[in-house]
Amino acid sequence: MKTTFVAACAAALLLAGCQGSSEPSAPPTSQDALTTTDPAPTTAAPPDDVEETSSSPAGDATETTEASGPPEMPDEAKEDSESGAEAFALHYLEVFNYAAMTPEAGHLEQLASDDCATCAGFESMIAKYIENDERAAGPIVTVDSARAQATGDTTVVFAEAVQTVPATLDAAGAVVTASAQPTSFTMVLTLTLDGQAWEVAEIQVQQ
């Protein structure tokens, strides 16, 4: 079976974050790479008594269509608070999905720090879609729920996510590679404040 471009790249990039690599890893040869057991992220999971700032229904980071234009950042995502960080993380993923489904470049860069290796990998993924004149048939990542925890100078958002592995379409809408089995995981996004604005500093994954 032909491995989808999305499965190969997204899996590798997330795992690169887990391994603390300064550069994205080469794409794996199988869409099953995301399910490989890897060392736990350096960011510890929150204790049981940490209050969940919200329970985001499935699709919060996915309801973007090509016709709707780039997602607008919600006002809450501009707040210096745990709920603000959570809203920003969900916005980042919504923009990521939009950029892959359109595809369009230039949207993710302004939401992440220059040294976020996984973020740079996502940006390269979008550039590859554009180069091939292809796009994702649907969202790449959906979020069932999320919670945020402030940890000193950073705020960590734990998103219970699904890598949906949508089909890849060409410019005419024909299927280039088929969709594959979704994978559930916990995405760990570390956010910092750049002046008064949030930015994604690191992305890791827990399984």
N, C-alpha and C. Protein backbone atom coordinates (compact mmCIF):
# COMPACT_ATOMS: atom_id res chain seq x y z
N MET A 1 0.85 -1.20 0.00
CA MET A 1 0.00 0.00 0.00
C MET A 1 0.88 1.24 0.00
N LYS A 2 0.52 2.20 -0.79
CA LYS A 2 1.30 3.43 -0.88
C LYS A 2 1.10 4.28 0.36
N THR A 3 2.18 4.66 1.00
CA THR A 3 2.10 5.49 2.20
C THR A 3 1.74 6.91 1.83
N THR A 4 0.78 7.50 2.52
CA THR A 4 0.39 8.87 2.22
C THR A 4 1.48 9.84 2.62
N PHE A 5 1.57 10.93 1.88
CA PHE A 5 2.56 11.97 2.20
C PHE A 5 2.33 12.52 3.60
N VAL A 6 1.05 12.74 3.94
CA VAL A 6 0.72 13.29 5.25
C VAL A 6 1.17 12.35 6.36
N ALA A 7 0.89 11.05 6.21
CA ALA A 7 1.26 10.09 7.25
C ALA A 7 2.76 10.07 7.46
N ALA A 8 3.50 10.04 6.36
CA ALA A 8 4.95 9.94 6.46
C ALA A 8 5.54 11.17 7.13
N CYS A 9 5.11 12.36 6.69
CA CYS A 9 5.71 13.58 7.20
C CYS A 9 5.24 13.93 8.60
N ALA A 10 3.94 13.91 8.83
CA ALA A 10 3.42 14.32 10.13
C ALA A 10 3.93 13.42 11.23
N ALA A 11 3.98 12.12 10.98
CA ALA A 11 4.47 11.20 11.99
C ALA A 11 5.93 11.48 12.31
N ALA A 12 6.73 11.68 11.29
CA ALA A 12 8.15 11.93 11.51
C ALA A 12 8.38 13.22 12.27
N LEU A 13 7.63 14.25 11.94
CA LEU A 13 7.85 15.55 12.56
C LEU A 13 7.47 15.53 14.03
N LEU A 14 6.36 14.89 14.36
CA LEU A 14 5.96 14.80 15.76
C LEU A 14 6.96 14.00 16.56
N LEU A 15 7.43 12.90 15.99
CA LEU A 15 8.40 12.08 16.70
C LEU A 15 9.73 12.81 16.86
N ALA A 16 10.06 13.65 15.90
CA ALA A 16 11.28 14.45 16.03
C ALA A 16 11.20 15.33 17.25
N GLY A 17 10.01 15.88 17.51
CA GLY A 17 9.83 16.70 18.70
C GLY A 17 10.02 15.88 19.96
N CYS A 18 9.52 14.66 19.97
CA CYS A 18 9.68 13.79 21.14
C CYS A 18 11.13 13.50 21.43
N GLN A 19 11.89 13.31 20.40
CA GLN A 19 13.27 12.92 20.58
C GLN A 19 14.19 14.11 20.82
N GLY A 20 13.62 15.31 20.82
CA GLY A 20 14.41 16.51 21.09
C GLY A 20 15.35 16.86 19.96
N SER A 21 15.07 16.41 18.75
CA SER A 21 15.94 16.68 17.62
C SER A 21 15.88 18.15 17.25
N SER A 22 17.01 18.70 16.83
CA SER A 22 17.03 20.09 16.40
C SER A 22 16.53 20.24 14.97
N GLU A 23 16.45 19.13 14.23
CA GLU A 23 15.94 19.15 12.88
C GLU A 23 14.90 18.05 12.73
N PRO A 24 13.89 18.23 11.86
CA PRO A 24 12.91 17.17 11.65
C PRO A 24 13.57 15.91 11.12
N SER A 25 13.10 14.75 11.58
CA SER A 25 13.62 13.48 11.10
C SER A 25 13.15 13.23 9.68
N ALA A 26 13.88 12.36 8.98
CA ALA A 26 13.44 11.96 7.65
C ALA A 26 12.12 11.22 7.76
N PRO A 27 11.25 11.35 6.76
CA PRO A 27 9.95 10.66 6.82
C PRO A 27 10.14 9.16 6.97
N PRO A 28 9.32 8.50 7.79
CA PRO A 28 9.42 7.05 7.95
C PRO A 28 8.87 6.36 6.71
N THR A 29 9.11 5.07 6.59
CA THR A 29 8.66 4.33 5.42
C THR A 29 7.27 3.78 5.59
N SER A 30 6.67 3.95 6.78
CA SER A 30 5.34 3.43 7.03
C SER A 30 4.51 4.43 7.78
N GLN A 31 3.20 4.46 7.51
CA GLN A 31 2.29 5.34 8.23
C GLN A 31 2.14 4.91 9.68
N ASP A 32 2.65 3.73 10.03
CA ASP A 32 2.57 3.25 11.41
C ASP A 32 3.62 3.88 12.29
N ALA A 33 4.48 4.75 11.76
CA ALA A 33 5.59 5.30 12.54
C ALA A 33 5.11 6.07 13.75
N LEU A 34 3.95 6.70 13.66
CA LEU A 34 3.45 7.50 14.78
C LEU A 34 3.16 6.65 16.00
N THR A 35 2.90 5.35 15.79
CA THR A 35 2.55 4.49 16.90
C THR A 35 3.76 3.87 17.56
N THR A 36 4.96 4.16 17.04
CA THR A 36 6.17 3.62 17.63
C THR A 36 6.37 4.16 19.03
N THR A 37 6.76 3.31 19.97
CA THR A 37 7.01 3.75 21.33
C THR A 37 8.30 4.54 21.39
N ASP A 38 8.22 5.74 21.89
CA ASP A 38 9.37 6.62 22.00
C ASP A 38 9.50 7.11 23.42
N PRO A 39 10.69 7.64 23.78
CA PRO A 39 10.84 8.18 25.14
C PRO A 39 9.80 9.23 25.42
N ALA A 40 9.33 9.30 26.66
CA ALA A 40 8.34 10.30 27.04
C ALA A 40 8.92 11.69 26.86
N PRO A 41 8.09 12.67 26.52
CA PRO A 41 8.58 14.04 26.35
C PRO A 41 9.21 14.55 27.64
N THR A 42 10.08 15.52 27.48
CA THR A 42 10.72 16.09 28.65
C THR A 42 9.74 16.85 29.52
N THR A 43 8.63 17.27 28.93
CA THR A 43 7.60 17.96 29.70
C THR A 43 6.75 16.93 30.43
N ALA A 44 6.68 17.02 31.73
CA ALA A 44 5.91 16.07 32.51
C ALA A 44 4.43 16.30 32.34
N ALA A 45 3.67 15.20 32.40
CA ALA A 45 2.21 15.34 32.32
C ALA A 45 1.71 16.02 33.57
N PRO A 46 0.59 16.75 33.48
CA PRO A 46 0.11 17.50 34.63
C PRO A 46 -0.42 16.56 35.70
N PRO A 47 -0.35 16.96 36.97
CA PRO A 47 -0.90 16.13 38.03
C PRO A 47 -2.40 16.01 37.88
N ASP A 48 -2.97 14.99 38.57
CA ASP A 48 -4.40 14.71 38.42
C ASP A 48 -5.29 15.85 38.88
N ASP A 49 -4.76 16.67 39.81
CA ASP A 49 -5.61 17.73 40.36
C ASP A 49 -5.55 19.02 39.56
N VAL A 50 -4.81 19.01 38.41
CA VAL A 50 -4.78 20.20 37.58
C VAL A 50 -6.14 20.37 36.92
N GLU A 51 -6.70 21.54 37.05
CA GLU A 51 -8.03 21.79 36.49
C GLU A 51 -7.96 21.88 34.98
N GLU A 52 -8.84 21.15 34.31
CA GLU A 52 -8.92 21.23 32.87
C GLU A 52 -9.60 22.54 32.51
N THR A 53 -8.89 23.36 31.73
CA THR A 53 -9.41 24.69 31.45
C THR A 53 -10.62 24.66 30.54
N SER A 54 -10.72 23.61 29.72
CA SER A 54 -11.92 23.46 28.90
C SER A 54 -11.92 22.08 28.30
N SER A 55 -13.05 21.68 27.86
CA SER A 55 -13.16 20.43 27.13
C SER A 55 -13.60 20.78 25.72
N SER A 56 -12.66 20.73 24.79
CA SER A 56 -12.94 21.20 23.45
C SER A 56 -13.56 20.09 22.65
N PRO A 57 -14.76 20.27 22.12
CA PRO A 57 -15.41 19.22 21.34
C PRO A 57 -14.61 18.90 20.09
N ALA A 58 -14.72 17.67 19.63
CA ALA A 58 -14.02 17.26 18.43
C ALA A 58 -14.38 18.19 17.29
N GLY A 59 -13.34 18.61 16.57
CA GLY A 59 -13.58 19.47 15.42
C GLY A 59 -13.27 20.93 15.68
N ASP A 60 -12.99 21.32 16.92
CA ASP A 60 -12.69 22.72 17.20
C ASP A 60 -11.52 23.22 16.38
N ALA A 61 -10.54 22.34 16.14
CA ALA A 61 -9.38 22.75 15.38
C ALA A 61 -9.48 22.28 13.93
N THR A 62 -10.68 21.94 13.46
CA THR A 62 -10.79 21.35 12.15
C THR A 62 -11.86 21.96 11.26
N GLU A 63 -12.70 22.84 11.78
CA GLU A 63 -13.84 23.31 11.00
C GLU A 63 -13.46 24.45 10.07
N THR A 64 -12.40 24.23 9.30
CA THR A 64 -11.93 25.23 8.37
C THR A 64 -12.13 24.72 6.96
N THR A 65 -12.65 25.52 6.08
CA THR A 65 -12.81 25.13 4.69
C THR A 65 -12.02 26.06 3.80
N GLU A 66 -11.75 25.60 2.61
CA GLU A 66 -10.97 26.40 1.69
C GLU A 66 -11.65 27.73 1.41
N ALA A 67 -12.99 27.72 1.37
CA ALA A 67 -13.72 28.94 1.03
C ALA A 67 -13.77 29.94 2.17
N SER A 68 -13.55 29.48 3.38
CA SER A 68 -13.70 30.36 4.53
C SER A 68 -12.53 31.29 4.74
N GLY A 69 -11.41 31.04 4.09
CA GLY A 69 -10.22 31.84 4.30
C GLY A 69 -9.48 31.42 5.55
N PRO A 70 -8.31 32.00 5.80
CA PRO A 70 -7.51 31.63 6.97
C PRO A 70 -8.30 31.85 8.25
N PRO A 71 -8.17 30.95 9.22
CA PRO A 71 -8.88 31.11 10.49
C PRO A 71 -8.46 32.40 11.20
N GLU A 72 -9.42 33.08 11.78
CA GLU A 72 -9.12 34.27 12.56
C GLU A 72 -8.82 33.88 14.00
N MET A 73 -7.81 34.52 14.57
CA MET A 73 -7.45 34.21 15.94
C MET A 73 -8.54 34.72 16.89
N PRO A 74 -9.07 33.85 17.75
CA PRO A 74 -10.09 34.31 18.70
C PRO A 74 -9.49 35.24 19.74
N ASP A 75 -10.29 36.12 20.27
CA ASP A 75 -9.80 37.07 21.27
C ASP A 75 -9.19 36.37 22.47
N GLU A 76 -9.77 35.24 22.86
CA GLU A 76 -9.26 34.52 24.03
C GLU A 76 -7.82 34.07 23.83
N ALA A 77 -7.44 33.77 22.58
CA ALA A 77 -6.09 33.30 22.28
C ALA A 77 -5.04 34.39 22.46
N LYS A 78 -5.48 35.63 22.70
CA LYS A 78 -4.56 36.75 22.91
C LYS A 78 -4.36 37.04 24.40
N GLU A 79 -5.05 36.29 25.26
CA GLU A 79 -4.98 36.53 26.71
C GLU A 79 -3.76 35.85 27.33
N ASP A 80 -3.15 36.53 28.29
CA ASP A 80 -2.03 35.96 29.04
C ASP A 80 -2.59 35.13 30.19
N SER A 81 -3.05 33.94 29.87
CA SER A 81 -3.66 33.05 30.84
C SER A 81 -3.58 31.63 30.32
N GLU A 82 -3.88 30.66 31.20
CA GLU A 82 -3.87 29.27 30.74
C GLU A 82 -4.94 29.05 29.68
N SER A 83 -6.11 29.63 29.89
CA SER A 83 -7.16 29.48 28.88
C SER A 83 -6.78 30.16 27.58
N GLY A 84 -6.04 31.27 27.67
CA GLY A 84 -5.57 31.94 26.47
C GLY A 84 -4.56 31.09 25.71
N ALA A 85 -3.66 30.43 26.45
CA ALA A 85 -2.67 29.56 25.82
C ALA A 85 -3.36 28.38 25.14
N GLU A 86 -4.35 27.82 25.80
CA GLU A 86 -5.10 26.70 25.21
C GLU A 86 -5.79 27.13 23.92
N ALA A 87 -6.42 28.29 23.94
CA ALA A 87 -7.10 28.79 22.75
C ALA A 87 -6.11 29.04 21.62
N PHE A 88 -4.92 29.51 21.97
CA PHE A 88 -3.90 29.77 20.95
C PHE A 88 -3.42 28.46 20.34
N ALA A 89 -3.18 27.45 21.17
CA ALA A 89 -2.72 26.15 20.66
C ALA A 89 -3.74 25.56 19.69
N LEU A 90 -5.03 25.64 20.05
CA LEU A 90 -6.07 25.13 19.16
C LEU A 90 -6.12 25.94 17.86
N HIS A 91 -5.89 27.24 17.98
CA HIS A 91 -5.85 28.08 16.78
C HIS A 91 -4.69 27.67 15.88
N TYR A 92 -3.53 27.40 16.46
CA TYR A 92 -2.38 26.98 15.67
C TYR A 92 -2.70 25.72 14.87
N LEU A 93 -3.34 24.75 15.51
CA LEU A 93 -3.68 23.51 14.82
C LEU A 93 -4.74 23.74 13.74
N GLU A 94 -5.66 24.65 14.01
CA GLU A 94 -6.67 24.99 13.01
C GLU A 94 -6.02 25.61 11.78
N VAL A 95 -5.05 26.49 12.01
CA VAL A 95 -4.32 27.11 10.90
C VAL A 95 -3.52 26.05 10.14
N PHE A 96 -2.91 25.13 10.88
CA PHE A 96 -2.17 24.04 10.24
C PHE A 96 -3.08 23.24 9.31
N ASN A 97 -4.26 22.88 9.79
CA ASN A 97 -5.20 22.14 8.96
C ASN A 97 -5.60 22.94 7.72
N TYR A 98 -5.89 24.20 7.93
CA TYR A 98 -6.27 25.07 6.81
C TYR A 98 -5.16 25.13 5.76
N ALA A 99 -3.92 25.33 6.22
CA ALA A 99 -2.79 25.46 5.30
C ALA A 99 -2.59 24.19 4.49
N ALA A 100 -2.84 23.03 5.10
CA ALA A 100 -2.67 21.76 4.38
C ALA A 100 -3.80 21.50 3.40
N MET A 101 -5.01 21.94 3.75
CA MET A 101 -6.18 21.67 2.92
C MET A 101 -6.30 22.65 1.76
N THR A 102 -5.61 23.80 1.82
CA THR A 102 -5.81 24.82 0.79
C THR A 102 -4.99 24.57 -0.49
N PRO A 103 -3.68 24.35 -0.51
CA PRO A 103 -2.72 24.69 0.54
C PRO A 103 -2.21 26.12 0.36
N GLU A 104 -1.81 26.71 1.47
CA GLU A 104 -1.26 28.07 1.44
C GLU A 104 -0.10 28.16 2.41
N ALA A 105 0.93 28.88 2.01
CA ALA A 105 2.10 29.09 2.86
C ALA A 105 1.98 30.43 3.57
N GLY A 106 2.81 30.61 4.59
CA GLY A 106 2.92 31.90 5.25
C GLY A 106 2.03 32.10 6.45
N HIS A 107 1.20 31.12 6.79
CA HIS A 107 0.29 31.28 7.92
C HIS A 107 0.88 30.78 9.24
N LEU A 108 1.62 29.67 9.18
CA LEU A 108 2.13 29.06 10.41
C LEU A 108 3.34 29.79 10.98
N GLU A 109 4.16 30.35 10.10
CA GLU A 109 5.42 30.94 10.54
C GLU A 109 5.24 32.01 11.61
N GLN A 110 4.19 32.79 11.50
CA GLN A 110 3.99 33.89 12.44
C GLN A 110 3.46 33.44 13.80
N LEU A 111 3.15 32.14 13.91
CA LEU A 111 2.58 31.63 15.16
C LEU A 111 3.58 30.81 15.97
N ALA A 112 4.81 30.64 15.47
CA ALA A 112 5.79 29.78 16.14
C ALA A 112 7.13 30.47 16.24
N SER A 113 7.93 30.03 17.20
CA SER A 113 9.28 30.56 17.35
C SER A 113 10.18 29.99 16.25
N ASP A 114 11.29 30.66 16.02
CA ASP A 114 12.20 30.24 14.95
C ASP A 114 12.87 28.91 15.26
N ASP A 115 12.96 28.54 16.54
CA ASP A 115 13.67 27.31 16.90
C ASP A 115 12.74 26.14 17.19
N CYS A 116 11.48 26.24 16.80
CA CYS A 116 10.55 25.11 16.95
C CYS A 116 10.75 24.19 15.75
N ALA A 117 11.47 23.08 15.95
CA ALA A 117 11.82 22.19 14.84
C ALA A 117 10.60 21.54 14.22
N THR A 118 9.66 21.08 15.04
CA THR A 118 8.48 20.44 14.50
C THR A 118 7.63 21.44 13.73
N CYS A 119 7.54 22.66 14.24
CA CYS A 119 6.79 23.71 13.53
C CYS A 119 7.41 23.96 12.15
N ALA A 120 8.74 24.02 12.10
CA ALA A 120 9.42 24.22 10.82
C ALA A 120 9.14 23.05 9.88
N GLY A 121 9.04 21.85 10.45
CA GLY A 121 8.72 20.69 9.63
C GLY A 121 7.33 20.77 9.06
N PHE A 122 6.38 21.24 9.87
CA PHE A 122 5.01 21.42 9.36
C PHE A 122 5.00 22.43 8.22
N GLU A 123 5.78 23.50 8.38
CA GLU A 123 5.86 24.52 7.33
C GLU A 123 6.44 23.93 6.04
N SER A 124 7.44 23.04 6.19
CA SER A 124 8.03 22.38 5.03
C SER A 124 7.02 21.44 4.38
N MET A 125 6.18 20.82 5.20
CA MET A 125 5.14 19.94 4.66
C MET A 125 4.19 20.73 3.77
N ILE A 126 3.78 21.91 4.23
CA ILE A 126 2.88 22.74 3.44
C ILE A 126 3.57 23.15 2.13
N ALA A 127 4.85 23.50 2.23
CA ALA A 127 5.60 23.90 1.03
C ALA A 127 5.66 22.75 0.03
N LYS A 128 5.75 21.52 0.53
CA LYS A 128 5.79 20.35 -0.36
C LYS A 128 4.45 20.15 -1.05
N TYR A 129 3.37 20.34 -0.32
CA TYR A 129 2.05 20.28 -0.94
C TYR A 129 1.98 21.28 -2.11
N ILE A 130 2.40 22.50 -1.84
CA ILE A 130 2.34 23.55 -2.86
C ILE A 130 3.21 23.19 -4.07
N GLU A 131 4.41 22.69 -3.79
CA GLU A 131 5.33 22.31 -4.87
C GLU A 131 4.73 21.22 -5.75
N ASN A 132 4.02 20.27 -5.14
CA ASN A 132 3.43 19.16 -5.89
C ASN A 132 2.04 19.49 -6.44
N ASP A 133 1.53 20.70 -6.12
CA ASP A 133 0.18 21.09 -6.51
C ASP A 133 -0.84 20.09 -5.97
N GLU A 134 -0.68 19.75 -4.69
CA GLU A 134 -1.55 18.81 -4.01
C GLU A 134 -2.05 19.42 -2.71
N ARG A 135 -3.00 18.75 -2.07
CA ARG A 135 -3.53 19.23 -0.80
C ARG A 135 -4.13 18.06 -0.03
N ALA A 136 -4.30 18.27 1.27
CA ALA A 136 -4.95 17.28 2.12
C ALA A 136 -6.45 17.35 1.90
N ALA A 137 -7.12 16.19 1.85
CA ALA A 137 -8.55 16.15 1.62
C ALA A 137 -9.35 16.54 2.85
N GLY A 138 -8.71 16.58 3.99
CA GLY A 138 -9.38 16.93 5.24
C GLY A 138 -8.36 17.34 6.28
N PRO A 139 -8.81 17.64 7.49
CA PRO A 139 -7.88 18.05 8.54
C PRO A 139 -6.88 16.96 8.86
N ILE A 140 -5.67 17.34 9.19
CA ILE A 140 -4.62 16.39 9.54
C ILE A 140 -4.70 16.02 11.01
N VAL A 141 -5.03 16.99 11.85
CA VAL A 141 -5.13 16.76 13.29
C VAL A 141 -6.47 17.25 13.80
N THR A 142 -7.18 16.42 14.54
CA THR A 142 -8.39 16.86 15.24
C THR A 142 -8.13 16.76 16.74
N VAL A 143 -8.83 17.57 17.51
CA VAL A 143 -8.63 17.63 18.95
C VAL A 143 -9.93 17.30 19.67
N ASP A 144 -9.88 16.32 20.56
CA ASP A 144 -11.05 15.95 21.35
C ASP A 144 -11.19 16.83 22.59
N SER A 145 -10.07 17.13 23.24
CA SER A 145 -10.09 17.98 24.43
C SER A 145 -8.68 18.52 24.65
N ALA A 146 -8.58 19.57 25.45
CA ALA A 146 -7.27 20.16 25.73
C ALA A 146 -7.27 20.77 27.12
N ARG A 147 -6.10 20.85 27.70
CA ARG A 147 -5.95 21.49 29.00
C ARG A 147 -4.57 22.15 29.03
N ALA A 148 -4.46 23.22 29.78
CA ALA A 148 -3.21 23.97 29.83
C ALA A 148 -2.70 24.06 31.25
N GLN A 149 -1.38 24.15 31.38
CA GLN A 149 -0.74 24.27 32.69
C GLN A 149 0.45 25.22 32.59
N ALA A 150 0.44 26.28 33.37
CA ALA A 150 1.56 27.21 33.40
C ALA A 150 2.71 26.58 34.16
N THR A 151 3.91 26.66 33.60
CA THR A 151 5.10 26.09 34.24
C THR A 151 6.24 27.10 34.15
N GLY A 152 6.25 28.05 35.03
CA GLY A 152 7.31 29.07 35.02
C GLY A 152 7.14 30.01 33.85
N ASP A 153 8.17 30.06 32.98
CA ASP A 153 8.14 30.99 31.85
C ASP A 153 7.35 30.46 30.67
N THR A 154 6.90 29.22 30.74
CA THR A 154 6.15 28.64 29.63
C THR A 154 4.79 28.14 30.11
N THR A 155 3.92 27.91 29.16
CA THR A 155 2.64 27.27 29.43
C THR A 155 2.52 26.08 28.50
N VAL A 156 2.20 24.93 29.07
CA VAL A 156 2.13 23.69 28.29
C VAL A 156 0.67 23.33 28.06
N VAL A 157 0.33 23.03 26.81
CA VAL A 157 -1.02 22.62 26.46
C VAL A 157 -0.99 21.14 26.07
N PHE A 158 -1.81 20.36 26.76
CA PHE A 158 -1.93 18.93 26.47
C PHE A 158 -3.21 18.73 25.67
N ALA A 159 -3.07 18.36 24.41
CA ALA A 159 -4.22 18.18 23.53
C ALA A 159 -4.42 16.70 23.22
N GLU A 160 -5.58 16.19 23.59
CA GLU A 160 -5.91 14.81 23.23
C GLU A 160 -6.34 14.83 21.76
N ALA A 161 -5.49 14.30 20.91
CA ALA A 161 -5.63 14.52 19.48
C ALA A 161 -5.72 13.22 18.69
N VAL A 162 -6.11 13.37 17.45
CA VAL A 162 -6.15 12.25 16.51
C VAL A 162 -5.48 12.69 15.22
N GLN A 163 -4.50 11.92 14.77
CA GLN A 163 -3.91 12.15 13.46
C GLN A 163 -4.82 11.44 12.46
N THR A 164 -5.58 12.19 11.70
CA THR A 164 -6.64 11.60 10.89
C THR A 164 -6.14 10.92 9.61
N VAL A 165 -4.96 11.32 9.13
CA VAL A 165 -4.36 10.76 7.91
C VAL A 165 -5.35 10.81 6.73
N PRO A 166 -5.69 12.01 6.29
CA PRO A 166 -6.64 12.14 5.17
C PRO A 166 -5.99 11.77 3.84
N ALA A 167 -6.80 11.61 2.82
CA ALA A 167 -6.28 11.37 1.48
C ALA A 167 -5.57 12.62 0.97
N THR A 168 -4.67 12.42 0.02
CA THR A 168 -4.01 13.53 -0.66
C THR A 168 -4.64 13.69 -2.03
N LEU A 169 -5.01 14.92 -2.37
CA LEU A 169 -5.68 15.21 -3.64
C LEU A 169 -4.79 16.04 -4.55
N ASP A 170 -4.94 15.85 -5.86
CA ASP A 170 -4.22 16.70 -6.80
C ASP A 170 -5.04 17.95 -7.08
N ALA A 171 -4.57 18.79 -8.00
CA ALA A 171 -5.23 20.07 -8.27
C ALA A 171 -6.65 19.90 -8.79
N ALA A 172 -6.91 18.77 -9.44
CA ALA A 172 -8.24 18.51 -9.98
C ALA A 172 -9.16 17.84 -8.98
N GLY A 173 -8.64 17.52 -7.81
CA GLY A 173 -9.45 16.87 -6.79
C GLY A 173 -9.40 15.36 -6.84
N ALA A 174 -8.58 14.80 -7.70
CA ALA A 174 -8.43 13.34 -7.79
C ALA A 174 -7.54 12.84 -6.66
N VAL A 175 -7.82 11.64 -6.18
CA VAL A 175 -7.06 11.07 -5.08
C VAL A 175 -5.69 10.60 -5.56
N VAL A 176 -4.65 11.15 -4.95
CA VAL A 176 -3.28 10.74 -5.25
C VAL A 176 -2.88 9.60 -4.33
N THR A 177 -3.16 9.75 -3.05
CA THR A 177 -2.93 8.68 -2.07
C THR A 177 -4.16 8.61 -1.18
N ALA A 178 -4.52 7.40 -0.82
CA ALA A 178 -5.74 7.19 -0.04
C ALA A 178 -5.53 7.54 1.43
N SER A 179 -6.64 7.72 2.13
CA SER A 179 -6.57 7.96 3.58
C SER A 179 -6.14 6.67 4.27
N ALA A 180 -5.75 6.79 5.53
CA ALA A 180 -5.29 5.63 6.29
C ALA A 180 -5.90 5.65 7.68
N GLN A 181 -5.59 4.64 8.46
CA GLN A 181 -6.16 4.49 9.79
C GLN A 181 -5.74 5.64 10.71
N PRO A 182 -6.68 6.32 11.38
CA PRO A 182 -6.33 7.39 12.31
C PRO A 182 -5.55 6.87 13.51
N THR A 183 -4.79 7.74 14.14
CA THR A 183 -4.01 7.40 15.33
C THR A 183 -4.27 8.41 16.42
N SER A 184 -4.58 7.94 17.61
CA SER A 184 -4.80 8.83 18.76
C SER A 184 -3.51 9.02 19.54
N PHE A 185 -3.31 10.22 20.04
CA PHE A 185 -2.11 10.52 20.82
C PHE A 185 -2.34 11.81 21.60
N THR A 186 -1.45 12.12 22.51
CA THR A 186 -1.48 13.38 23.22
C THR A 186 -0.41 14.29 22.65
N MET A 187 -0.84 15.40 22.08
CA MET A 187 0.10 16.39 21.57
C MET A 187 0.42 17.38 22.68
N VAL A 188 1.70 17.62 22.90
CA VAL A 188 2.15 18.51 23.96
C VAL A 188 2.78 19.74 23.31
N LEU A 189 2.10 20.86 23.42
CA LEU A 189 2.58 22.10 22.82
C LEU A 189 3.08 23.03 23.92
N THR A 190 4.35 23.40 23.85
CA THR A 190 4.93 24.35 24.80
C THR A 190 4.86 25.74 24.20
N LEU A 191 4.22 26.66 24.93
CA LEU A 191 4.02 28.03 24.45
C LEU A 191 4.79 29.01 25.30
N THR A 192 5.27 30.06 24.67
CA THR A 192 5.91 31.16 25.37
C THR A 192 5.29 32.46 24.89
N LEU A 193 5.47 33.50 25.66
CA LEU A 193 4.99 34.82 25.28
C LEU A 193 6.11 35.61 24.62
N ASP A 194 5.86 36.07 23.40
CA ASP A 194 6.79 36.94 22.70
C ASP A 194 6.21 38.34 22.76
N GLY A 195 6.64 39.09 23.76
CA GLY A 195 6.00 40.37 24.03
C GLY A 195 4.64 40.11 24.64
N GLN A 196 3.58 40.46 23.94
CA GLN A 196 2.22 40.24 24.41
C GLN A 196 1.52 39.12 23.65
N ALA A 197 2.24 38.45 22.76
CA ALA A 197 1.62 37.43 21.92
C ALA A 197 2.20 36.05 22.21
N TRP A 198 1.35 35.04 22.17
CA TRP A 198 1.80 33.66 22.33
C TRP A 198 2.51 33.20 21.06
N GLU A 199 3.42 32.23 21.22
CA GLU A 199 4.00 31.53 20.08
C GLU A 199 4.33 30.11 20.52
N VAL A 200 4.30 29.19 19.57
CA VAL A 200 4.60 27.78 19.86
C VAL A 200 6.12 27.62 19.85
N ALA A 201 6.67 27.17 20.98
CA ALA A 201 8.11 26.99 21.10
C ALA A 201 8.55 25.56 20.85
N GLU A 202 7.65 24.61 21.08
CA GLU A 202 8.00 23.20 20.92
C GLU A 202 6.74 22.36 20.82
N ILE A 203 6.81 21.28 20.05
CA ILE A 203 5.72 20.33 19.96
C ILE A 203 6.28 18.93 20.19
N GLN A 204 5.67 18.20 21.10
CA GLN A 204 6.06 16.83 21.37
C GLN A 204 4.81 15.96 21.34
N VAL A 205 5.00 14.66 21.47
CA VAL A 205 3.85 13.75 21.47
C VAL A 205 4.02 12.68 22.53
N GLN A 206 2.93 12.36 23.19
CA GLN A 206 2.87 11.27 24.16
C GLN A 206 1.89 10.24 23.63
N GLN A 207 2.21 8.96 23.89
CA GLN A 207 1.30 7.89 23.47
C GLN A 207 1.00 6.99 24.63
